[in-house]
Amino acid sequence: MENALIKTAKFGGSSLADAGQFRKVRDIVTSDQTVRYVVASAPGKRFAGDVKVTDMFYECYGCSYDNLKFGELFGKIKNRFNSIIEELGIDYSLEKEYEEIEDSLRHSTGRDYSASRGEYLNGKILAAYLGFDFIDAFDMVFFREDGSFDSEKTNAVLSERLKNSVRAVIPGFYGSMPNGTVKTFSRGGSDVTGSIVARASQSDIYENWTDVSGFLVADPRIVDNPKTIRAITYRELRELSYMGASVLHEEAIFPVRTCGIPINIRNTNTPDEPGTMIMPSCPADGNGEITGIAGKKGFSVINIEKDLMNMQHGFGRKVLSVLENSGINYEHLPSGIDTMSVIVNTEDIAPYRNMVMNNICTTVEPDSISIEDGIALIAIVGRNMARAKGTAARILRAVADADVNVRMIDQGSDEINIILGVDENDFERAIRAIYAKFEERI
């Protein structure tokens, strides 16, 4: 099998929510012998109003002091996994694992440990069901003392381990700290684990199976029946993910990007659909300027005015140093000759609002300064925008025709994105107007 195609497939929580979904996963994996490594998420919601297993573990961890409530909650978790095993009809028991986890939770082993157990148990079941090896991510995925992911150590150790398994299941979302405790990625981190495994196994493709048929041009909660993006570059996806498009964890791009492995977003419930292919580069295929539209609310703008600002050396650096000292990241810096605006996340600045204002006044002595809340940012992303004339004009015409006032416009130096700032009340209307303007050319 040395020269055979290798795939890593990650299945999300909705894809492994119950026994019926497990059967779909088995059919996908067994019908494609190139799928060698499978990354498992914890069981997600089975229906509207259901509870994800990870949230059940969080709640269980939070009441470890209450024996009665803890026992009731942990019993529900066991029943959830046992029902999957029973309905699959496999001869397999997790009783030993339950005892170990229950004892650890009762002794407050840690919130990350608790959060990771859904993936761990689901991975165990899936490995038994598929007849694959089980490889615990705790032994293969490493974090540094400061909590940052140690990519090179992980890749070296995991690469060697995978050479000894023709087929294996690896639970997603977690790894280990140098002190031997469990550390998780941020929510949705099984996507990242899948990317890590794809890199370590030198996979040709990383398939990310979820409950949508690919990456959509716009949020379907805002735009009715948006088109599916068939091909997108890593850079385009990064821009859209950062601005709220949430099909894939934004950090999942980096491990595979280093070695050019494409990501294929697929739908477990409709496996015949091709989904979206995410690649290092895509041809300029003539499909129009826009690849996708995404955005989010919850931003504030710090407006600073000072005469002859442009002649004061280090003015911008001094303003940004005030934010840095408060641990606040900035999003954008639209400016004029005597004006400067800094876009920041409203939640980030809220605890330090007055302090930041006072420190900016002390540091650069502006003629005036104010903060406005209620700003939404919209990213219009497309690899073809750089060579298309009049794209920005068409975008601005679309939002103007929708009676939306643009508070800010910014374009990156690579010309693959245009960022608009609008009032939050205009957010949905602006996205619908832009999509409608470019729909026929997407």
Protein backbone atom coordinates (compact mmCIF):
# COMPACT_ATOMS: atom_id res chain seq x y z
CA MET A 1 0.00 0.00 0.00
CA GLU A 2 3.07 2.26 -0.08
CA ASN A 3 2.12 4.11 -3.23
CA ALA A 4 -1.65 3.96 -2.73
CA LEU A 5 -3.74 7.07 -2.28
CA ILE A 6 -4.22 7.95 1.40
CA LYS A 7 -7.12 9.86 2.86
CA THR A 8 -7.79 11.14 6.36
CA ALA A 9 -11.49 11.55 7.16
CA LYS A 10 -12.82 13.54 10.08
CA PHE A 11 -16.46 13.06 11.10
CA GLY A 12 -18.18 15.78 13.10
CA GLY A 13 -20.59 15.51 15.99
CA SER A 14 -23.69 15.40 13.79
CA SER A 15 -22.09 12.60 11.75
CA LEU A 16 -21.59 10.48 14.90
CA ALA A 17 -24.62 11.50 16.95
CA ASP A 18 -26.30 8.09 17.07
CA ALA A 19 -26.14 4.55 15.72
CA GLY A 20 -27.86 5.50 12.47
CA GLN A 21 -25.16 8.07 11.76
CA PHE A 22 -22.44 5.55 12.70
CA ARG A 23 -23.80 3.26 9.99
CA LYS A 24 -23.54 6.04 7.43
CA VAL A 25 -19.94 6.63 8.48
CA ARG A 26 -19.16 2.92 8.15
CA ASP A 27 -20.65 2.87 4.63
CA ILE A 28 -18.54 5.89 3.63
CA VAL A 29 -15.33 4.46 5.06
CA THR A 30 -15.73 0.87 3.86
CA SER A 31 -16.72 1.98 0.35
CA ASP A 32 -13.46 3.89 -0.04
CA GLN A 33 -10.38 1.82 0.77
CA THR A 34 -8.17 4.90 0.52
CA VAL A 35 -9.62 6.19 3.82
CA ARG A 36 -6.92 5.00 6.20
CA TYR A 37 -7.26 7.31 9.19
CA VAL A 38 -10.48 8.50 10.79
CA VAL A 39 -10.82 11.33 13.33
CA ALA A 40 -13.88 11.16 15.58
CA SER A 41 -15.85 13.92 17.28
CA ALA A 42 -18.10 13.53 20.32
CA PRO A 43 -21.78 12.77 19.64
CA GLY A 44 -23.64 15.92 18.64
CA LYS A 45 -27.34 16.73 18.68
CA ARG A 46 -29.66 14.04 17.36
CA PHE A 47 -32.62 16.40 17.01
CA ALA A 48 -33.64 19.97 17.81
CA GLY A 49 -33.48 20.52 21.54
CA ASP A 50 -31.07 17.64 22.13
CA VAL A 51 -27.85 18.17 24.10
CA LYS A 52 -24.35 17.57 22.76
CA VAL A 53 -22.35 15.05 24.77
CA THR A 54 -19.55 17.59 25.30
CA ASP A 55 -22.05 19.91 26.99
CA MET A 56 -23.29 17.00 29.09
CA PHE A 57 -19.72 16.41 30.27
CA TYR A 58 -19.27 20.10 31.05
CA GLU A 59 -22.41 20.05 33.17
CA CYS A 60 -21.33 16.85 34.89
CA TYR A 61 -17.94 18.33 35.73
CA GLY A 62 -19.61 21.43 37.17
CA CYS A 63 -21.64 19.47 39.71
CA SER A 64 -19.05 16.92 40.89
CA TYR A 65 -19.67 18.20 44.44
CA ASP A 66 -23.33 17.08 44.28
CA ASN A 67 -23.31 13.27 44.38
CA LEU A 68 -26.98 12.86 43.48
CA LYS A 69 -26.97 15.23 40.51
CA PHE A 70 -23.56 14.02 39.34
CA GLY A 71 -24.73 10.41 39.37
CA GLU A 72 -27.85 11.30 37.41
CA LEU A 73 -25.93 13.25 34.75
CA PHE A 74 -23.17 10.69 34.38
CA GLY A 75 -25.81 7.99 34.05
CA LYS A 76 -27.30 9.88 31.09
CA ILE A 77 -23.88 10.07 29.44
CA LYS A 78 -23.37 6.32 29.86
CA ASN A 79 -26.83 5.64 28.46
CA ARG A 80 -26.05 7.77 25.41
CA PHE A 81 -22.96 5.75 24.54
CA ASN A 82 -24.44 2.41 25.54
CA SER A 83 -27.43 3.00 23.27
CA ILE A 84 -25.06 3.50 20.33
CA ILE A 85 -23.23 0.25 21.13
CA GLU A 86 -26.45 -1.72 21.58
CA GLU A 87 -28.09 -0.41 18.41
CA LEU A 88 -24.95 -1.16 16.40
CA GLY A 89 -25.06 -4.73 17.72
CA ILE A 90 -21.36 -4.93 18.54
CA ASP A 91 -19.89 -6.93 21.40
CA TYR A 92 -18.10 -4.10 23.16
CA SER A 93 -18.09 -2.59 26.63
CA LEU A 94 -16.91 0.77 27.97
CA GLU A 95 -17.46 -0.08 31.65
CA LYS A 96 -13.76 0.14 32.48
CA GLU A 97 -13.52 3.55 30.80
CA TYR A 98 -16.67 4.78 32.58
CA GLU A 99 -15.19 3.86 35.98
CA GLU A 100 -11.95 5.66 35.25
CA ILE A 101 -13.69 8.79 33.92
CA GLU A 102 -16.20 8.91 36.77
CA ASP A 103 -13.43 8.66 39.36
CA SER A 104 -11.42 11.38 37.62
CA LEU A 105 -14.40 13.74 37.36
CA ARG A 106 -15.32 13.25 41.00
CA HIS A 107 -11.78 14.26 41.91
CA SER A 108 -11.87 17.35 39.68
CA THR A 109 -9.26 16.20 37.18
CA GLY A 110 -9.89 19.28 35.03
CA ARG A 111 -12.36 20.95 32.73
CA ASP A 112 -10.38 20.07 29.59
CA TYR A 113 -10.23 16.43 30.63
CA SER A 114 -14.00 16.43 31.05
CA ALA A 115 -14.57 18.12 27.70
CA SER A 116 -12.36 15.60 25.89
CA ARG A 117 -14.07 12.43 27.08
CA GLY A 118 -16.85 12.56 24.49
CA GLU A 119 -14.32 12.27 21.67
CA TYR A 120 -12.36 9.62 23.56
CA LEU A 121 -15.36 7.34 24.12
CA ASN A 122 -16.83 7.89 20.65
CA GLY A 123 -13.44 7.14 19.11
CA LYS A 124 -13.28 3.88 21.05
CA ILE A 125 -16.70 2.80 19.78
CA LEU A 126 -15.97 3.79 16.18
CA ALA A 127 -12.65 1.93 16.18
CA ALA A 128 -14.36 -1.22 17.46
CA TYR A 129 -17.20 -0.86 14.93
CA LEU A 130 -14.86 -0.36 11.96
CA GLY A 131 -12.24 -2.86 13.13
CA PHE A 132 -9.57 -0.14 13.11
CA ASP A 133 -6.77 0.47 15.61
CA PHE A 134 -7.50 3.06 18.30
CA ILE A 135 -4.82 5.70 18.84
CA ASP A 136 -5.35 8.03 21.79
CA ALA A 137 -4.69 11.65 20.86
CA PHE A 138 -3.40 12.21 24.40
CA ASP A 139 -0.27 10.23 23.49
CA MET A 140 0.22 11.87 20.07
CA VAL A 141 -0.89 15.54 20.16
CA PHE A 142 1.27 17.84 22.25
CA PHE A 143 0.95 21.31 23.73
CA ARG A 144 3.70 23.47 25.21
CA GLU A 145 3.86 24.83 28.77
CA ASP A 146 2.14 28.04 27.65
CA GLY A 147 -0.76 26.09 26.13
CA SER A 148 0.25 26.61 22.50
CA PHE A 149 0.15 23.67 20.12
CA ASP A 150 3.53 22.00 19.50
CA SER A 151 3.13 21.17 15.81
CA GLU A 152 6.60 19.79 15.08
CA LYS A 153 6.79 17.43 18.07
CA THR A 154 3.26 16.23 17.31
CA ASN A 155 4.04 15.64 13.66
CA ALA A 156 7.24 13.70 14.43
CA VAL A 157 5.66 11.40 17.06
CA LEU A 158 2.36 10.89 15.24
CA SER A 159 4.05 10.19 11.90
CA GLU A 160 6.03 7.35 13.44
CA ARG A 161 2.98 5.92 15.19
CA LEU A 162 0.81 5.95 12.06
CA LYS A 163 3.40 3.93 10.17
CA ASN A 164 2.46 1.02 12.43
CA SER A 165 -1.29 1.24 11.71
CA VAL A 166 -2.74 0.51 8.31
CA ARG A 167 -6.07 1.91 9.52
CA ALA A 168 -6.80 3.77 12.73
CA VAL A 169 -9.29 5.97 14.57
CA ILE A 170 -7.98 8.98 16.47
CA PRO A 171 -10.28 11.05 18.72
CA GLY A 172 -10.26 14.74 17.91
CA PHE A 173 -10.20 17.95 19.95
CA TYR A 174 -7.54 17.19 22.56
CA GLY A 175 -3.93 16.33 23.36
CA SER A 176 -1.63 16.55 26.36
CA MET A 177 0.35 19.13 28.31
CA PRO A 178 3.96 18.56 29.47
CA ASN A 179 2.66 17.94 33.01
CA GLY A 180 0.54 15.02 31.84
CA THR A 181 -2.86 16.75 31.90
CA VAL A 182 -5.36 16.91 29.04
CA LYS A 183 -5.47 20.06 26.92
CA THR A 184 -8.19 20.80 24.35
CA PHE A 185 -8.27 22.97 21.28
CA SER A 186 -11.00 25.62 21.11
CA ARG A 187 -14.54 24.43 20.36
CA GLY A 188 -14.70 22.63 17.04
CA GLY A 189 -11.08 21.58 17.41
CA SER A 190 -11.63 18.10 15.97
CA ASP A 191 -11.22 19.84 12.60
CA VAL A 192 -7.71 20.77 13.69
CA THR A 193 -6.94 17.21 14.78
CA GLY A 194 -8.06 15.95 11.38
CA SER A 195 -5.66 18.34 9.70
CA ILE A 196 -2.84 17.27 12.03
CA VAL A 197 -3.44 13.59 11.22
CA ALA A 198 -3.62 14.33 7.48
CA ARG A 199 -0.23 16.02 7.64
CA ALA A 200 1.38 13.32 9.79
CA SER A 201 0.09 10.52 7.56
CA GLN A 202 1.07 12.41 4.39
CA SER A 203 -2.49 12.03 3.18
CA ASP A 204 -3.37 13.05 -0.35
CA ILE A 205 -6.74 14.46 0.75
CA TYR A 206 -8.27 15.48 4.08
CA GLU A 207 -12.03 14.84 4.00
CA ASN A 208 -14.02 16.76 6.58
CA TRP A 209 -17.48 15.19 6.88
CA THR A 210 -20.23 17.29 8.42
CA ASP A 211 -23.97 17.98 7.96
CA VAL A 212 -23.72 20.49 5.09
CA SER A 213 -22.87 19.84 1.45
CA GLY A 214 -19.88 22.11 1.32
CA PHE A 215 -19.05 25.72 1.97
CA LEU A 216 -21.83 28.14 1.04
CA VAL A 217 -21.27 31.50 -0.63
CA ALA A 218 -23.25 33.21 2.14
CA ASP A 219 -24.95 32.40 5.43
CA PRO A 220 -28.22 30.54 4.66
CA ARG A 221 -29.80 32.18 7.70
CA ILE A 222 -29.45 35.49 5.85
CA VAL A 223 -29.57 34.56 2.16
CA ASP A 224 -32.15 32.07 0.87
CA ASN A 225 -30.58 29.02 -0.78
CA PRO A 226 -27.10 30.41 -1.39
CA LYS A 227 -24.91 28.59 -3.89
CA THR A 228 -22.23 26.12 -2.84
CA ILE A 229 -18.59 27.03 -3.39
CA ARG A 230 -17.04 24.16 -5.35
CA ALA A 231 -13.41 25.30 -5.10
CA ILE A 232 -11.75 27.76 -2.75
CA THR A 233 -8.17 28.56 -1.76
CA TYR A 234 -6.74 28.33 1.74
CA ARG A 235 -6.37 32.12 1.83
CA GLU A 236 -9.96 32.73 0.79
CA LEU A 237 -11.23 30.28 3.37
CA ARG A 238 -9.08 31.86 6.06
CA GLU A 239 -10.62 35.26 5.34
CA LEU A 240 -14.18 33.90 5.37
CA SER A 241 -13.67 31.75 8.48
CA TYR A 242 -12.23 34.66 10.42
CA MET A 243 -15.29 36.72 9.55
CA GLY A 244 -17.77 34.19 10.85
CA ALA A 245 -18.19 31.47 8.21
CA SER A 246 -18.10 28.44 10.50
CA VAL A 247 -18.13 25.23 8.46
CA LEU A 248 -14.47 24.61 9.33
CA HIS A 249 -12.41 25.62 12.37
CA GLU A 250 -10.20 28.47 11.14
CA GLU A 251 -7.02 26.91 12.57
CA ALA A 252 -7.61 23.64 10.68
CA ILE A 253 -6.04 25.12 7.57
CA PHE A 254 -2.51 25.50 8.90
CA PRO A 255 -1.26 21.89 9.37
CA VAL A 256 -2.29 20.83 5.85
CA ARG A 257 -1.30 24.13 4.28
CA THR A 258 2.36 23.47 5.08
CA CYS A 259 2.37 20.48 2.73
CA GLY A 260 -0.36 21.43 0.25
CA ILE A 261 -2.96 18.82 1.22
CA PRO A 262 -6.43 19.76 -0.09
CA ILE A 263 -9.44 19.68 2.24
CA ASN A 264 -12.75 18.32 0.95
CA ILE A 265 -15.85 19.41 2.89
CA ARG A 266 -18.48 16.67 2.51
CA ASN A 267 -21.98 15.87 3.80
CA THR A 268 -22.36 12.57 5.69
CA ASN A 269 -26.07 12.51 4.89
CA THR A 270 -25.59 13.02 1.13
CA PRO A 271 -22.20 11.42 0.45
CA ASP A 272 -22.58 11.44 -3.34
CA GLU A 273 -22.40 15.24 -3.45
CA PRO A 274 -18.88 16.55 -4.22
CA GLY A 275 -18.90 19.26 -1.57
CA THR A 276 -16.24 21.97 -1.50
CA MET A 277 -12.58 21.46 -2.32
CA ILE A 278 -10.14 23.71 -0.42
CA MET A 279 -6.77 23.91 -2.16
CA PRO A 280 -3.48 25.82 -2.06
CA SER A 281 -4.47 27.55 -5.29
CA CYS A 282 -7.36 27.48 -7.72
CA PRO A 283 -7.32 28.47 -11.38
CA ALA A 284 -8.78 31.81 -12.43
CA ASP A 285 -11.79 29.97 -13.76
CA GLY A 286 -13.93 32.85 -14.94
CA ASN A 287 -16.69 32.16 -12.43
CA GLY A 288 -16.84 35.78 -11.38
CA GLU A 289 -15.14 37.97 -8.85
CA ILE A 290 -16.80 36.77 -5.66
CA THR A 291 -16.05 33.47 -3.94
CA GLY A 292 -17.88 34.10 -0.68
CA ILE A 293 -19.44 36.68 1.63
CA ALA A 294 -19.24 36.53 5.43
CA GLY A 295 -19.45 38.89 8.36
CA LYS A 296 -20.18 39.39 11.99
CA LYS A 297 -21.49 41.95 14.42
CA GLY A 298 -20.11 43.20 17.70
CA PHE A 299 -17.45 45.73 16.78
CA SER A 300 -16.63 49.22 18.04
CA VAL A 301 -14.70 52.00 16.34
CA ILE A 302 -12.36 54.34 18.18
CA ASN A 303 -12.36 57.64 16.27
CA ILE A 304 -9.33 59.89 16.81
CA GLU A 305 -8.80 63.36 15.31
CA LYS A 306 -5.72 65.54 15.52
CA ASP A 307 -4.41 68.28 13.26
CA LEU A 308 -1.15 67.38 11.49
CA MET A 309 -1.42 63.80 12.72
CA ASN A 310 0.44 62.61 9.64
CA MET A 311 3.50 64.67 10.60
CA GLN A 312 3.86 63.18 14.07
CA HIS A 313 6.31 60.28 13.98
CA GLY A 314 4.97 57.13 15.64
CA PHE A 315 1.43 58.42 16.16
CA GLY A 316 -0.22 55.19 15.02
CA ARG A 317 2.28 53.03 16.89
CA LYS A 318 1.59 54.91 20.13
CA VAL A 319 -2.16 54.45 19.76
CA LEU A 320 -1.77 50.74 19.08
CA SER A 321 0.62 50.35 22.02
CA VAL A 322 -2.18 51.50 24.32
CA LEU A 323 -4.38 48.69 22.98
CA GLU A 324 -1.51 46.21 23.19
CA ASN A 325 -0.88 47.05 26.83
CA SER A 326 -4.55 46.28 27.54
CA GLY A 327 -4.41 42.97 25.66
CA ILE A 328 -6.75 44.21 22.91
CA ASN A 329 -6.31 43.23 19.27
CA TYR A 330 -7.37 45.60 16.52
CA GLU A 331 -9.23 44.54 13.37
CA HIS A 332 -8.76 47.43 10.93
CA LEU A 333 -7.16 50.88 10.78
CA PRO A 334 -8.94 53.15 8.29
CA SER A 335 -7.36 56.61 8.40
CA GLY A 336 -7.15 60.05 6.80
CA ILE A 337 -4.66 62.90 6.99
CA ASP A 338 -5.86 64.13 10.38
CA THR A 339 -8.07 61.22 11.43
CA MET A 340 -7.53 57.65 12.52
CA SER A 341 -10.11 54.98 13.29
CA VAL A 342 -9.36 51.72 15.07
CA ILE A 343 -11.88 48.88 14.77
CA VAL A 344 -11.90 46.57 17.79
CA ASN A 345 -14.11 43.82 19.18
CA THR A 346 -16.68 45.39 21.51
CA GLU A 347 -16.39 42.59 24.10
CA ASP A 348 -12.61 42.94 24.18
CA ILE A 349 -12.61 46.64 24.90
CA ALA A 350 -15.61 46.74 27.24
CA PRO A 351 -13.69 46.11 30.51
CA TYR A 352 -11.01 48.66 29.60
CA ARG A 353 -13.08 51.28 27.80
CA ASN A 354 -12.39 54.29 30.02
CA MET A 355 -8.80 53.30 30.68
CA VAL A 356 -8.05 52.99 26.95
CA MET A 357 -9.63 56.34 26.20
CA ASN A 358 -7.68 58.04 28.98
CA ASN A 359 -4.39 56.42 27.99
CA ILE A 360 -4.80 57.41 24.34
CA CYS A 361 -5.48 60.98 25.44
CA THR A 362 -2.37 60.98 27.64
CA THR A 363 -0.19 59.33 25.00
CA VAL A 364 -1.03 61.27 21.81
CA GLU A 365 -3.14 64.23 23.04
CA PRO A 366 -5.81 64.07 20.31
CA ASP A 367 -8.06 67.02 19.48
CA SER A 368 -11.03 64.70 19.89
CA ILE A 369 -11.68 61.03 20.60
CA SER A 370 -14.84 58.94 20.74
CA ILE A 371 -15.99 55.31 20.64
CA GLU A 372 -18.97 54.15 18.61
CA ASP A 373 -20.53 50.74 19.14
CA GLY A 374 -22.90 48.72 16.98
CA ILE A 375 -20.60 48.18 14.00
CA ALA A 376 -20.75 45.06 11.81
CA LEU A 377 -18.00 43.97 9.43
CA ILE A 378 -18.66 42.23 6.11
CA ALA A 379 -15.92 40.50 4.11
CA ILE A 380 -16.37 40.03 0.37
CA VAL A 381 -13.72 37.52 -0.70
CA GLY A 382 -12.61 36.32 -4.11
CA ARG A 383 -9.39 35.28 -5.79
CA ASN A 384 -10.59 36.83 -9.07
CA MET A 385 -11.20 40.30 -7.62
CA ALA A 386 -7.62 41.44 -8.23
CA ARG A 387 -8.03 41.16 -12.01
CA ALA A 388 -11.64 42.33 -12.24
CA LYS A 389 -12.31 46.00 -12.84
CA GLY A 390 -15.04 47.79 -10.94
CA THR A 391 -15.70 45.17 -8.26
CA ALA A 392 -15.57 47.65 -5.39
CA ALA A 393 -17.83 50.03 -7.30
CA ARG A 394 -20.40 47.29 -7.85
CA ILE A 395 -20.31 46.33 -4.17
CA LEU A 396 -20.82 49.92 -3.07
CA ARG A 397 -23.61 50.41 -5.59
CA ALA A 398 -25.37 47.29 -4.29
CA VAL A 399 -25.36 48.46 -0.67
CA ALA A 400 -26.27 52.03 -1.64
CA ASP A 401 -29.27 50.76 -3.62
CA ALA A 402 -30.28 48.84 -0.47
CA ASP A 403 -30.19 52.14 1.48
CA VAL A 404 -27.19 51.04 3.55
CA ASN A 405 -24.61 53.57 4.69
CA VAL A 406 -21.01 52.31 4.52
CA ARG A 407 -19.09 53.35 7.64
CA MET A 408 -15.75 51.92 6.52
CA ILE A 409 -14.16 50.29 3.49
CA ASP A 410 -10.82 48.50 3.48
CA GLN A 411 -9.03 46.26 1.00
CA GLY A 412 -6.09 43.98 1.72
CA SER A 413 -2.86 44.37 -0.23
CA ASP A 414 -3.39 40.98 -1.88
CA GLU A 415 -6.73 42.27 -3.24
CA ILE A 416 -8.62 39.06 -2.47
CA ASN A 417 -10.95 40.74 0.01
CA ILE A 418 -12.89 43.93 0.56
CA ILE A 419 -14.11 44.72 4.10
CA LEU A 420 -17.13 46.92 4.68
CA GLY A 421 -18.16 48.38 8.01
CA VAL A 422 -21.89 49.04 8.40
CA ASP A 423 -24.31 49.66 11.23
CA GLU A 424 -25.46 46.40 12.82
CA ASN A 425 -29.05 47.20 11.87
CA ASP A 426 -28.00 47.15 8.19
CA PHE A 427 -25.92 43.96 8.39
CA GLU A 428 -28.33 41.38 6.93
CA ARG A 429 -29.72 43.79 4.33
CA ALA A 430 -26.22 44.60 3.09
CA ILE A 431 -25.23 40.92 2.72
CA ARG A 432 -28.42 40.11 0.81
CA ALA A 433 -27.86 43.08 -1.50
CA ILE A 434 -24.26 42.11 -2.29
CA TYR A 435 -25.19 38.47 -2.91
CA ALA A 436 -28.02 39.48 -5.24
CA LYS A 437 -25.70 41.80 -7.18
CA PHE A 438 -23.14 39.05 -7.85
CA GLU A 439 -25.30 35.89 -7.80
CA GLU A 440 -25.27 35.33 -11.52
CA ARG A 441 -21.50 35.70 -11.65
CA ILE A 442 -20.67 33.37 -8.74
